[in-house]
Amino acid sequence: RSSSRETREDAMLDELVKFFVVLLVVVEPLSLLPILAGLTEGADDAFRRRMSFKAVAISAAVCVLFAVGGTALLKLLGISVDAFKIGGGILLFMLAIEMVFARESGVRSITPVEGEEAHHRADISVFPLAFPMIAGPGAIATILLAFAAVPFGSAQFFAQLAVIGLVLVLTLALMLVTGPVMRVVGVTGSAVLGRLLGVLLAALAAQFVIDGVRGAMA
């Protein structure tokens, strides 16, 4: 029994680490900093902090909503977990291509028209910071994939909620120090790191598709 319990705990830990890595790579907090700096150019630090806190709070609400109700939504629509693994994996792979080649796949990027509109908004917390930058389609797909096979109220369920919280706290922490980080890392450094993380995400996305295909054929 002890060996079986340890095996389950090890498997849960592996899933949590995998979920943390994928969600962190998808949210990619460093890529938010040049956007936040550009959209708040000329504004004081208080405005930037207010937008950061509000964007992360809205993103947390969206993430928790899909974590709690996402599985029920899939069942309502008649979508199997394996089918969603394949579809979600393809979506994440598109995001990985966007990160590696700096091409706009539409998964997380905004159009030039949307960017121009964002520059003239008094409140940028909902758009484009919360959506599509933090809690965008990629993050939502990642959360649905992680929670699809996890029983509501289980230890793993709450552990995965804690992982979401950790990623969002890290994101907020970086957003609050946008100025100093941008001076150290710069746009080029952020782009290089994004490409490296994109390669990792591509491999993880491919694994989601493989697992989905294997499960559907079993």
C-alpha atoms as a PDB file:
ATOM      1  CA  ARG A   1       0.000   0.000   0.000  1.00  0.00           C
ATOM      2  CA  SER A   2       2.778   2.381   0.922  1.00  0.00           C
ATOM      3  CA  SER A   3       4.472   1.773  -2.419  1.00  0.00           C
ATOM      4  CA  SER A   4       1.195   2.337  -4.289  1.00  0.00           C
ATOM      5  CA  ARG A   5       0.556   5.588  -2.411  1.00  0.00           C
ATOM      6  CA  GLU A   6       4.089   6.819  -3.119  1.00  0.00           C
ATOM      7  CA  THR A   7       3.600   6.013  -6.799  1.00  0.00           C
ATOM      8  CA  ARG A   8       0.374   8.045  -6.885  1.00  0.00           C
ATOM      9  CA  GLU A   9       2.053  10.937  -5.094  1.00  0.00           C
ATOM     10  CA  ASP A  10       4.986  10.863  -7.507  1.00  0.00           C
ATOM     11  CA  ALA A  11       2.596  10.817 -10.469  1.00  0.00           C
ATOM     12  CA  MET A  12       0.653  13.775  -9.037  1.00  0.00           C
ATOM     13  CA  LEU A  13       3.874  15.707  -8.445  1.00  0.00           C
ATOM     14  CA  ASP A  14       4.966  15.048 -12.020  1.00  0.00           C
ATOM     15  CA  GLU A  15       1.628  16.321 -13.318  1.00  0.00           C
ATOM     16  CA  LEU A  16       1.859  19.439 -11.157  1.00  0.00           C
ATOM     17  CA  VAL A  17       5.378  20.229 -12.366  1.00  0.00           C
ATOM     18  CA  LYS A  18       4.317  19.686 -15.968  1.00  0.00           C
ATOM     19  CA  PHE A  19       1.261  21.917 -15.495  1.00  0.00           C
ATOM     20  CA  PHE A  20       3.369  24.644 -13.879  1.00  0.00           C
ATOM     21  CA  VAL A  21       5.945  24.607 -16.680  1.00  0.00           C
ATOM     22  CA  VAL A  22       3.357  24.624 -19.480  1.00  0.00           C
ATOM     23  CA  LEU A  23       1.234  27.374 -17.917  1.00  0.00           C
ATOM     24  CA  LEU A  24       4.270  29.528 -17.128  1.00  0.00           C
ATOM     25  CA  VAL A  25       5.572  29.136 -20.671  1.00  0.00           C
ATOM     26  CA  VAL A  26       2.151  29.916 -22.159  1.00  0.00           C
ATOM     27  CA  VAL A  27       1.618  33.017 -20.018  1.00  0.00           C
ATOM     28  CA  GLU A  28       5.295  33.962 -20.590  1.00  0.00           C
ATOM     29  CA  PRO A  29       5.393  36.865 -18.087  1.00  0.00           C
ATOM     30  CA  LEU A  30       8.547  38.420 -19.567  1.00  0.00           C
ATOM     31  CA  SER A  31       6.808  38.965 -22.892  1.00  0.00           C
ATOM     32  CA  LEU A  32       4.194  41.086 -21.099  1.00  0.00           C
ATOM     33  CA  LEU A  33       6.737  43.620 -19.913  1.00  0.00           C
ATOM     34  CA  PRO A  34       7.525  45.361 -23.232  1.00  0.00           C
ATOM     35  CA  ILE A  35       3.775  45.594 -23.934  1.00  0.00           C
ATOM     36  CA  LEU A  36       3.014  46.949 -20.469  1.00  0.00           C
ATOM     37  CA  ALA A  37       5.879  49.431 -20.717  1.00  0.00           C
ATOM     38  CA  GLY A  38       4.695  50.629 -24.144  1.00  0.00           C
ATOM     39  CA  LEU A  39       1.047  50.968 -23.170  1.00  0.00           C
ATOM     40  CA  THR A  40       1.866  52.861 -19.964  1.00  0.00           C
ATOM     41  CA  GLU A  41       4.566  55.070 -21.458  1.00  0.00           C
ATOM     42  CA  GLY A  42       4.335  58.527 -19.904  1.00  0.00           C
ATOM     43  CA  ALA A  43       2.064  57.320 -17.086  1.00  0.00           C
ATOM     44  CA  ASP A  44       3.157  57.247 -13.457  1.00  0.00           C
ATOM     45  CA  ASP A  45       4.105  54.098 -11.512  1.00  0.00           C
ATOM     46  CA  ALA A  46       0.809  54.143  -9.610  1.00  0.00           C
ATOM     47  CA  PHE A  47      -1.160  53.721 -12.854  1.00  0.00           C
ATOM     48  CA  ARG A  48       1.074  50.849 -13.973  1.00  0.00           C
ATOM     49  CA  ARG A  49       0.669  49.103 -10.612  1.00  0.00           C
ATOM     50  CA  ARG A  50      -3.104  49.579 -10.689  1.00  0.00           C
ATOM     51  CA  MET A  51      -3.355  48.114 -14.179  1.00  0.00           C
ATOM     52  CA  SER A  52      -1.101  45.199 -13.192  1.00  0.00           C
ATOM     53  CA  PHE A  53      -3.111  44.285 -10.096  1.00  0.00           C
ATOM     54  CA  LYS A  54      -6.426  44.580 -11.931  1.00  0.00           C
ATOM     55  CA  ALA A  55      -5.242  42.550 -14.939  1.00  0.00           C
ATOM     56  CA  VAL A  56      -3.972  39.707 -12.761  1.00  0.00           C
ATOM     57  CA  ALA A  57      -7.150  39.739 -10.639  1.00  0.00           C
ATOM     58  CA  ILE A  58      -9.334  39.478 -13.756  1.00  0.00           C
ATOM     59  CA  SER A  59      -7.084  36.741 -15.155  1.00  0.00           C
ATOM     60  CA  ALA A  60      -7.352  34.813 -11.878  1.00  0.00           C
ATOM     61  CA  ALA A  61     -11.154  34.951 -12.043  1.00  0.00           C
ATOM     62  CA  VAL A  62     -11.149  33.686 -15.642  1.00  0.00           C
ATOM     63  CA  CYS A  63      -8.672  30.881 -14.866  1.00  0.00           C
ATOM     64  CA  VAL A  64     -10.601  29.691 -11.804  1.00  0.00           C
ATOM     65  CA  LEU A  65     -13.863  29.806 -13.754  1.00  0.00           C
ATOM     66  CA  PHE A  66     -12.495  27.475 -16.431  1.00  0.00           C
ATOM     67  CA  ALA A  67     -10.739  25.285 -13.856  1.00  0.00           C
ATOM     68  CA  VAL A  68     -13.997  24.757 -11.946  1.00  0.00           C
ATOM     69  CA  GLY A  69     -16.478  24.648 -14.819  1.00  0.00           C
ATOM     70  CA  GLY A  70     -14.354  23.612 -17.773  1.00  0.00           C
ATOM     71  CA  THR A  71     -14.864  19.867 -17.410  1.00  0.00           C
ATOM     72  CA  ALA A  72     -18.637  20.275 -17.148  1.00  0.00           C
ATOM     73  CA  LEU A  73     -18.552  22.435 -20.270  1.00  0.00           C
ATOM     74  CA  LEU A  74     -16.679  19.757 -22.213  1.00  0.00           C
ATOM     75  CA  LYS A  75     -19.219  17.123 -21.120  1.00  0.00           C
ATOM     76  CA  LEU A  76     -22.096  19.410 -22.056  1.00  0.00           C
ATOM     77  CA  LEU A  77     -20.645  19.848 -25.535  1.00  0.00           C
ATOM     78  CA  GLY A  78     -19.924  16.131 -25.857  1.00  0.00           C
ATOM     79  CA  ILE A  79     -16.151  16.630 -26.179  1.00  0.00           C
ATOM     80  CA  SER A  80     -13.978  13.821 -24.832  1.00  0.00           C
ATOM     81  CA  VAL A  81     -10.795  14.484 -22.874  1.00  0.00           C
ATOM     82  CA  ASP A  82      -8.726  12.801 -25.595  1.00  0.00           C
ATOM     83  CA  ALA A  83     -10.276  14.974 -28.306  1.00  0.00           C
ATOM     84  CA  PHE A  84      -9.531  18.084 -26.282  1.00  0.00           C
ATOM     85  CA  LYS A  85      -5.944  16.937 -25.721  1.00  0.00           C
ATOM     86  CA  ILE A  86      -5.493  16.753 -29.488  1.00  0.00           C
ATOM     87  CA  GLY A  87      -7.191  20.100 -30.152  1.00  0.00           C
ATOM     88  CA  GLY A  88      -5.529  21.813 -27.201  1.00  0.00           C
ATOM     89  CA  GLY A  89      -2.145  20.402 -28.178  1.00  0.00           C
ATOM     90  CA  ILE A  90      -2.508  21.810 -31.695  1.00  0.00           C
ATOM     91  CA  LEU A  91      -3.496  25.191 -30.265  1.00  0.00           C
ATOM     92  CA  LEU A  92      -0.449  25.218 -27.975  1.00  0.00           C
ATOM     93  CA  PHE A  93       1.749  24.155 -30.893  1.00  0.00           C
ATOM     94  CA  MET A  94       0.530  27.189 -32.849  1.00  0.00           C
ATOM     95  CA  LEU A  95       1.463  29.358 -29.885  1.00  0.00           C
ATOM     96  CA  ALA A  96       4.902  27.716 -29.789  1.00  0.00           C
ATOM     97  CA  ILE A  97       5.409  28.557 -33.479  1.00  0.00           C
ATOM     98  CA  GLU A  98       4.451  32.150 -32.731  1.00  0.00           C
ATOM     99  CA  MET A  99       7.035  32.257 -29.924  1.00  0.00           C
ATOM    100  CA  VAL A 100       9.876  30.594 -31.848  1.00  0.00           C
ATOM    101  CA  PHE A 101       9.493  32.404 -35.167  1.00  0.00           C
ATOM    102  CA  ALA A 102       7.994  35.635 -33.802  1.00  0.00           C
ATOM    103  CA  ARG A 103       4.994  35.156 -36.094  1.00  0.00           C
ATOM    104  CA  GLU A 104       1.465  36.156 -35.161  1.00  0.00           C
ATOM    105  CA  SER A 105      -0.703  33.043 -35.050  1.00  0.00           C
ATOM    106  CA  GLY A 106      -3.604  34.897 -33.438  1.00  0.00           C
ATOM    107  CA  VAL A 107      -3.497  32.654 -30.367  1.00  0.00           C
ATOM    108  CA  ARG A 108      -2.029  35.293 -28.097  1.00  0.00           C
ATOM    109  CA  SER A 109      -1.136  38.264 -30.254  1.00  0.00           C
ATOM    110  CA  ILE A 110      -3.248  41.311 -31.040  1.00  0.00           C
ATOM    111  CA  THR A 111      -3.728  42.931 -34.431  1.00  0.00           C
ATOM    112  CA  PRO A 112      -2.222  46.348 -35.291  1.00  0.00           C
ATOM    113  CA  VAL A 113      -5.710  47.876 -35.107  1.00  0.00           C
ATOM    114  CA  GLU A 114      -6.247  46.370 -31.646  1.00  0.00           C
ATOM    115  CA  GLY A 115      -2.830  47.593 -30.575  1.00  0.00           C
ATOM    116  CA  GLU A 116      -3.645  51.123 -31.704  1.00  0.00           C
ATOM    117  CA  GLU A 117      -6.944  50.960 -29.831  1.00  0.00           C
ATOM    118  CA  ALA A 118      -5.182  49.749 -26.680  1.00  0.00           C
ATOM    119  CA  HIS A 119      -2.826  52.737 -26.779  1.00  0.00           C
ATOM    120  CA  HIS A 120      -5.814  55.075 -26.469  1.00  0.00           C
ATOM    121  CA  ARG A 121      -7.576  53.158 -23.692  1.00  0.00           C
ATOM    122  CA  ALA A 122      -7.698  54.599 -20.204  1.00  0.00           C
ATOM    123  CA  ASP A 123      -7.995  51.073 -18.787  1.00  0.00           C
ATOM    124  CA  ILE A 124      -5.753  48.416 -20.367  1.00  0.00           C
ATOM    125  CA  SER A 125      -6.239  45.813 -17.641  1.00  0.00           C
ATOM    126  CA  VAL A 126      -8.980  43.786 -19.366  1.00  0.00           C
ATOM    127  CA  PHE A 127      -7.736  44.229 -22.925  1.00  0.00           C
ATOM    128  CA  PRO A 128      -5.030  43.494 -23.880  1.00  0.00           C
ATOM    129  CA  LEU A 129      -3.371  42.538 -20.564  1.00  0.00           C
ATOM    130  CA  ALA A 130      -5.857  40.064 -19.045  1.00  0.00           C
ATOM    131  CA  PHE A 131      -7.057  38.893 -22.458  1.00  0.00           C
ATOM    132  CA  PRO A 132      -5.376  37.770 -24.638  1.00  0.00           C
ATOM    133  CA  MET A 133      -1.971  38.224 -22.963  1.00  0.00           C
ATOM    134  CA  ILE A 134      -2.401  36.495 -19.564  1.00  0.00           C
ATOM    135  CA  ALA A 135      -5.645  34.482 -19.610  1.00  0.00           C
ATOM    136  CA  GLY A 136      -5.765  34.008 -23.368  1.00  0.00           C
ATOM    137  CA  PRO A 137      -6.791  30.968 -25.426  1.00  0.00           C
ATOM    138  CA  GLY A 138      -3.470  29.218 -24.757  1.00  0.00           C
ATOM    139  CA  ALA A 139      -3.755  29.557 -20.983  1.00  0.00           C
ATOM    140  CA  ILE A 140      -7.425  28.513 -21.018  1.00  0.00           C
ATOM    141  CA  ALA A 141      -6.626  25.442 -23.129  1.00  0.00           C
ATOM    142  CA  THR A 142      -3.788  24.521 -20.764  1.00  0.00           C
ATOM    143  CA  ILE A 143      -6.088  24.802 -17.735  1.00  0.00           C
ATOM    144  CA  LEU A 144      -8.837  22.750 -19.370  1.00  0.00           C
ATOM    145  CA  LEU A 145      -6.319  20.055 -20.290  1.00  0.00           C
ATOM    146  CA  ALA A 146      -4.962  19.931 -16.745  1.00  0.00           C
ATOM    147  CA  PHE A 147      -8.349  19.814 -15.002  1.00  0.00           C
ATOM    148  CA  ALA A 148     -10.244  17.622 -17.473  1.00  0.00           C
ATOM    149  CA  ALA A 149      -9.384  14.333 -15.749  1.00  0.00           C
ATOM    150  CA  VAL A 150      -9.070  15.643 -12.175  1.00  0.00           C
ATOM    151  CA  PRO A 151     -12.005  15.039  -9.764  1.00  0.00           C
ATOM    152  CA  PHE A 152     -13.505  18.235  -8.371  1.00  0.00           C
ATOM    153  CA  GLY A 153     -12.458  18.815  -4.753  1.00  0.00           C
ATOM    154  CA  SER A 154      -9.574  16.318  -4.828  1.00  0.00           C
ATOM    155  CA  ALA A 155      -6.109  17.067  -3.478  1.00  0.00           C
ATOM    156  CA  GLN A 156      -4.762  17.375  -7.014  1.00  0.00           C
ATOM    157  CA  PHE A 157      -7.572  19.773  -7.936  1.00  0.00           C
ATOM    158  CA  PHE A 158      -6.625  22.199  -5.179  1.00  0.00           C
ATOM    159  CA  ALA A 159      -2.916  21.689  -5.849  1.00  0.00           C
ATOM    160  CA  GLN A 160      -3.454  22.704  -9.486  1.00  0.00           C
ATOM    161  CA  LEU A 161      -5.401  25.774  -8.355  1.00  0.00           C
ATOM    162  CA  ALA A 162      -2.359  26.645  -6.233  1.00  0.00           C
ATOM    163  CA  VAL A 163      -0.165  26.280  -9.331  1.00  0.00           C
ATOM    164  CA  ILE A 164      -2.380  28.770 -11.192  1.00  0.00           C
ATOM    165  CA  GLY A 165      -2.052  31.135  -8.249  1.00  0.00           C
ATOM    166  CA  LEU A 166       1.733  30.740  -8.215  1.00  0.00           C
ATOM    167  CA  VAL A 167       2.051  31.508 -11.929  1.00  0.00           C
ATOM    168  CA  LEU A 168      -0.157  34.584 -11.587  1.00  0.00           C
ATOM    169  CA  VAL A 169       1.786  35.807  -8.541  1.00  0.00           C
ATOM    170  CA  LEU A 170       5.049  35.463 -10.479  1.00  0.00           C
ATOM    171  CA  THR A 171       3.459  37.327 -13.378  1.00  0.00           C
ATOM    172  CA  LEU A 172       2.285  40.141 -11.106  1.00  0.00           C
ATOM    173  CA  ALA A 173       5.693  40.373  -9.423  1.00  0.00           C
ATOM    174  CA  LEU A 174       7.394  40.865 -12.792  1.00  0.00           C
ATOM    175  CA  MET A 175       4.777  43.361 -13.945  1.00  0.00           C
ATOM    176  CA  LEU A 176       5.356  45.451 -10.819  1.00  0.00           C
ATOM    177  CA  VAL A 177       9.068  45.744 -11.632  1.00  0.00           C
ATOM    178  CA  THR A 178       8.626  46.292 -15.372  1.00  0.00           C
ATOM    179  CA  GLY A 179      10.965  49.290 -15.539  1.00  0.00           C
ATOM    180  CA  PRO A 180      14.028  47.725 -13.847  1.00  0.00           C
ATOM    181  CA  VAL A 181      13.577  44.371 -15.616  1.00  0.00           C
ATOM    182  CA  MET A 182      13.297  45.997 -19.047  1.00  0.00           C
ATOM    183  CA  ARG A 183      16.477  47.970 -18.383  1.00  0.00           C
ATOM    184  CA  VAL A 184      18.338  44.748 -17.538  1.00  0.00           C
ATOM    185  CA  VAL A 185      16.810  42.275 -19.989  1.00  0.00           C
ATOM    186  CA  GLY A 186      15.677  44.562 -22.782  1.00  0.00           C
ATOM    187  CA  VAL A 187      13.407  43.695 -25.672  1.00  0.00           C
ATOM    188  CA  THR A 188      16.083  41.523 -27.306  1.00  0.00           C
ATOM    189  CA  GLY A 189      16.683  39.464 -24.166  1.00  0.00           C
ATOM    190  CA  SER A 190      12.974  38.934 -23.730  1.00  0.00           C
ATOM    191  CA  ALA A 191      12.649  37.804 -27.354  1.00  0.00           C
ATOM    192  CA  VAL A 192      15.546  35.326 -27.052  1.00  0.00           C
ATOM    193  CA  LEU A 193      14.084  33.778 -23.903  1.00  0.00           C
ATOM    194  CA  GLY A 194      10.683  33.586 -25.577  1.00  0.00           C
ATOM    195  CA  ARG A 195      12.142  31.603 -28.482  1.00  0.00           C
ATOM    196  CA  LEU A 196      13.843  29.141 -26.146  1.00  0.00           C
ATOM    197  CA  LEU A 197      10.637  28.612 -24.181  1.00  0.00           C
ATOM    198  CA  GLY A 198       8.759  28.202 -27.467  1.00  0.00           C
ATOM    199  CA  VAL A 199      10.848  25.138 -28.329  1.00  0.00           C
ATOM    200  CA  LEU A 200       9.984  23.604 -24.960  1.00  0.00           C
ATOM    201  CA  LEU A 201       6.300  24.366 -25.443  1.00  0.00           C
ATOM    202  CA  ALA A 202       6.329  22.781 -28.907  1.00  0.00           C
ATOM    203  CA  ALA A 203       7.600  19.507 -27.424  1.00  0.00           C
ATOM    204  CA  LEU A 204       5.008  19.573 -24.633  1.00  0.00           C
ATOM    205  CA  ALA A 205       2.239  20.365 -27.136  1.00  0.00           C
ATOM    206  CA  ALA A 206       3.306  17.419 -29.288  1.00  0.00           C
ATOM    207  CA  GLN A 207       3.125  15.181 -26.214  1.00  0.00           C
ATOM    208  CA  PHE A 208      -0.460  16.335 -25.551  1.00  0.00           C
ATOM    209  CA  VAL A 209      -1.423  15.357 -29.112  1.00  0.00           C
ATOM    210  CA  ILE A 210       0.331  11.977 -28.819  1.00  0.00           C
ATOM    211  CA  ASP A 211      -1.429  11.248 -25.523  1.00  0.00           C
ATOM    212  CA  GLY A 212      -4.764  12.257 -27.044  1.00  0.00           C
ATOM    213  CA  VAL A 213      -4.323  10.051 -30.098  1.00  0.00           C
ATOM    214  CA  ARG A 214      -3.144   7.139 -27.958  1.00  0.00           C
ATOM    215  CA  GLY A 215      -6.131   7.507 -25.628  1.00  0.00           C
ATOM    216  CA  ALA A 216      -8.615   7.782 -28.495  1.00  0.00           C
ATOM    217  CA  MET A 217      -7.253   4.617 -30.149  1.00  0.00           C
ATOM    218  CA  ALA A 218      -7.087   2.614 -26.924  1.00  0.00           C
END
